[in-house]
Amino acid sequence: GGICTREDVVSAVWPDDVSDGISEQAIDALVRRLRDRISEYAPDHQYIVTVRGHGFRLEQG
């Protein structure tokens, strides 16, 4: 799939008036929790891949 930047994640998750000041660490923690949840159902596949310097990409199963 296409690459989602951290800014894309912020705008999709937090409303405009709350999104200011969201750190990269907060986004990484959110993605880590999402990966953990997904791995409960599909432990043998990583659906969210980090693209260093760019963001995240969704992988098909």
N, C-alpha and C. Protein backbone atom coordinates (compact mmCIF):
# COMPACT_ATOMS: atom_id res chain seq x y z
N GLY A 1 0.81 -1.19 0.00
CA GLY A 1 0.00 0.00 0.00
C GLY A 1 0.85 1.25 0.00
N GLY A 2 0.18 2.36 -0.03
CA GLY A 2 0.85 3.65 0.00
C GLY A 2 1.39 3.98 1.38
N ILE A 3 2.27 4.94 1.44
CA ILE A 3 2.88 5.34 2.71
C ILE A 3 2.01 6.40 3.37
N CYS A 4 1.79 6.21 4.67
CA CYS A 4 1.08 7.16 5.52
C CYS A 4 2.11 7.89 6.37
N THR A 5 2.17 9.18 6.28
CA THR A 5 3.11 9.93 7.12
C THR A 5 2.56 10.03 8.54
N ARG A 6 3.40 10.42 9.46
CA ARG A 6 2.94 10.63 10.83
C ARG A 6 1.88 11.74 10.87
N GLU A 7 2.05 12.74 10.00
CA GLU A 7 1.05 13.81 9.93
C GLU A 7 -0.30 13.27 9.48
N ASP A 8 -0.30 12.32 8.56
CA ASP A 8 -1.54 11.67 8.12
C ASP A 8 -2.22 10.97 9.29
N VAL A 9 -1.41 10.29 10.11
CA VAL A 9 -1.95 9.59 11.27
C VAL A 9 -2.56 10.58 12.24
N VAL A 10 -1.85 11.67 12.52
CA VAL A 10 -2.36 12.69 13.46
C VAL A 10 -3.68 13.25 12.97
N SER A 11 -3.76 13.61 11.70
CA SER A 11 -5.00 14.22 11.19
C SER A 11 -6.15 13.22 11.16
N ALA A 12 -5.86 11.93 11.04
CA ALA A 12 -6.92 10.92 11.03
C ALA A 12 -7.41 10.56 12.43
N VAL A 13 -6.53 10.69 13.42
CA VAL A 13 -6.87 10.22 14.77
C VAL A 13 -7.35 11.34 15.68
N TRP A 14 -6.70 12.50 15.63
CA TRP A 14 -7.03 13.58 16.54
C TRP A 14 -7.71 14.73 15.80
N PRO A 15 -8.72 15.33 16.42
CA PRO A 15 -9.37 16.51 15.82
C PRO A 15 -8.37 17.66 15.69
N ASP A 16 -8.67 18.58 14.78
CA ASP A 16 -7.76 19.69 14.50
C ASP A 16 -7.34 20.47 15.74
N ASP A 17 -8.28 20.73 16.64
CA ASP A 17 -7.96 21.56 17.80
C ASP A 17 -7.13 20.81 18.85
N VAL A 18 -6.99 19.51 18.70
CA VAL A 18 -6.23 18.72 19.67
C VAL A 18 -4.89 18.27 19.10
N SER A 19 -4.74 18.29 17.80
CA SER A 19 -3.58 17.68 17.15
C SER A 19 -2.27 18.45 17.34
N ASP A 20 -2.34 19.72 17.72
CA ASP A 20 -1.12 20.48 17.94
C ASP A 20 -0.33 19.90 19.10
N GLY A 21 0.95 19.71 18.90
CA GLY A 21 1.80 19.23 19.98
C GLY A 21 1.84 17.74 20.16
N ILE A 22 1.24 16.97 19.26
CA ILE A 22 1.32 15.51 19.34
C ILE A 22 2.73 15.12 18.92
N SER A 23 3.44 14.41 19.78
CA SER A 23 4.83 14.07 19.50
C SER A 23 4.95 12.82 18.64
N GLU A 24 6.12 12.67 18.03
CA GLU A 24 6.38 11.46 17.25
C GLU A 24 6.34 10.23 18.16
N GLN A 25 6.76 10.41 19.40
CA GLN A 25 6.73 9.30 20.36
C GLN A 25 5.29 8.85 20.63
N ALA A 26 4.36 9.79 20.70
CA ALA A 26 2.96 9.45 20.92
C ALA A 26 2.40 8.68 19.72
N ILE A 27 2.78 9.08 18.53
CA ILE A 27 2.33 8.38 17.33
C ILE A 27 2.92 6.98 17.28
N ASP A 28 4.21 6.88 17.59
CA ASP A 28 4.86 5.56 17.61
C ASP A 28 4.22 4.64 18.63
N ALA A 29 3.86 5.18 19.80
CA ALA A 29 3.20 4.38 20.83
C ALA A 29 1.83 3.91 20.35
N LEU A 30 1.11 4.78 19.67
CA LEU A 30 -0.20 4.41 19.12
C LEU A 30 -0.07 3.28 18.11
N VAL A 31 0.90 3.40 17.22
CA VAL A 31 1.12 2.37 16.20
C VAL A 31 1.56 1.06 16.86
N ARG A 32 2.41 1.16 17.88
CA ARG A 32 2.85 -0.05 18.60
C ARG A 32 1.68 -0.77 19.25
N ARG A 33 0.77 -0.01 19.87
CA ARG A 33 -0.42 -0.63 20.48
C ARG A 33 -1.31 -1.27 19.42
N LEU A 34 -1.45 -0.60 18.28
CA LEU A 34 -2.24 -1.16 17.19
C LEU A 34 -1.61 -2.45 16.66
N ARG A 35 -0.29 -2.45 16.50
CA ARG A 35 0.41 -3.67 16.07
C ARG A 35 0.19 -4.80 17.07
N ASP A 36 0.27 -4.48 18.36
CA ASP A 36 0.06 -5.49 19.40
C ASP A 36 -1.34 -6.09 19.31
N ARG A 37 -2.33 -5.24 19.10
CA ARG A 37 -3.72 -5.72 18.98
C ARG A 37 -3.88 -6.61 17.76
N ILE A 38 -3.33 -6.18 16.64
CA ILE A 38 -3.44 -6.97 15.41
C ILE A 38 -2.74 -8.31 15.58
N SER A 39 -1.60 -8.32 16.25
CA SER A 39 -0.83 -9.56 16.39
C SER A 39 -1.55 -10.60 17.24
N GLU A 40 -2.52 -10.18 18.04
CA GLU A 40 -3.33 -11.14 18.79
C GLU A 40 -4.14 -12.02 17.84
N TYR A 41 -4.50 -11.48 16.69
CA TYR A 41 -5.33 -12.20 15.72
C TYR A 41 -4.52 -12.77 14.56
N ALA A 42 -3.39 -12.16 14.28
CA ALA A 42 -2.54 -12.62 13.17
C ALA A 42 -1.07 -12.51 13.58
N PRO A 43 -0.61 -13.42 14.44
CA PRO A 43 0.75 -13.30 14.98
C PRO A 43 1.87 -13.54 13.97
N ASP A 44 1.56 -14.14 12.84
CA ASP A 44 2.60 -14.49 11.88
C ASP A 44 2.80 -13.46 10.77
N HIS A 45 2.11 -12.34 10.85
CA HIS A 45 2.23 -11.34 9.78
C HIS A 45 2.25 -9.94 10.39
N GLN A 46 3.12 -9.10 9.87
CA GLN A 46 3.18 -7.71 10.30
C GLN A 46 2.46 -6.86 9.26
N TYR A 47 1.30 -6.34 9.64
CA TYR A 47 0.48 -5.57 8.71
C TYR A 47 0.90 -4.11 8.60
N ILE A 48 1.49 -3.58 9.67
CA ILE A 48 1.93 -2.18 9.66
C ILE A 48 3.45 -2.18 9.64
N VAL A 49 4.02 -1.66 8.56
CA VAL A 49 5.47 -1.64 8.38
C VAL A 49 5.95 -0.20 8.48
N THR A 50 7.00 0.02 9.25
CA THR A 50 7.60 1.35 9.34
C THR A 50 8.50 1.57 8.14
N VAL A 51 8.31 2.70 7.48
CA VAL A 51 9.17 3.10 6.36
C VAL A 51 10.03 4.24 6.90
N ARG A 52 11.24 3.91 7.24
CA ARG A 52 12.13 4.84 7.93
C ARG A 52 12.24 6.18 7.18
N GLY A 53 12.03 7.25 7.94
CA GLY A 53 12.13 8.58 7.38
C GLY A 53 10.88 9.05 6.65
N HIS A 54 9.88 8.17 6.52
CA HIS A 54 8.68 8.54 5.77
C HIS A 54 7.38 8.34 6.54
N GLY A 55 7.24 7.20 7.21
CA GLY A 55 5.99 6.94 7.93
C GLY A 55 5.71 5.45 8.01
N PHE A 56 4.49 5.08 7.63
CA PHE A 56 4.05 3.70 7.76
C PHE A 56 3.37 3.24 6.48
N ARG A 57 3.41 1.93 6.26
CA ARG A 57 2.76 1.34 5.10
C ARG A 57 1.97 0.12 5.57
N LEU A 58 0.78 -0.06 5.03
CA LEU A 58 -0.02 -1.24 5.34
C LEU A 58 0.31 -2.34 4.35
N GLU A 59 0.54 -3.53 4.87
CA GLU A 59 0.84 -4.70 4.05
C GLU A 59 -0.37 -5.61 3.99
N GLN A 60 -0.62 -6.20 2.85
CA GLN A 60 -1.73 -7.15 2.72
C GLN A 60 -1.35 -8.46 3.38
N GLY A 61 -2.37 -9.18 3.82
CA GLY A 61 -2.15 -10.45 4.51
C GLY A 61 -1.99 -11.62 3.61
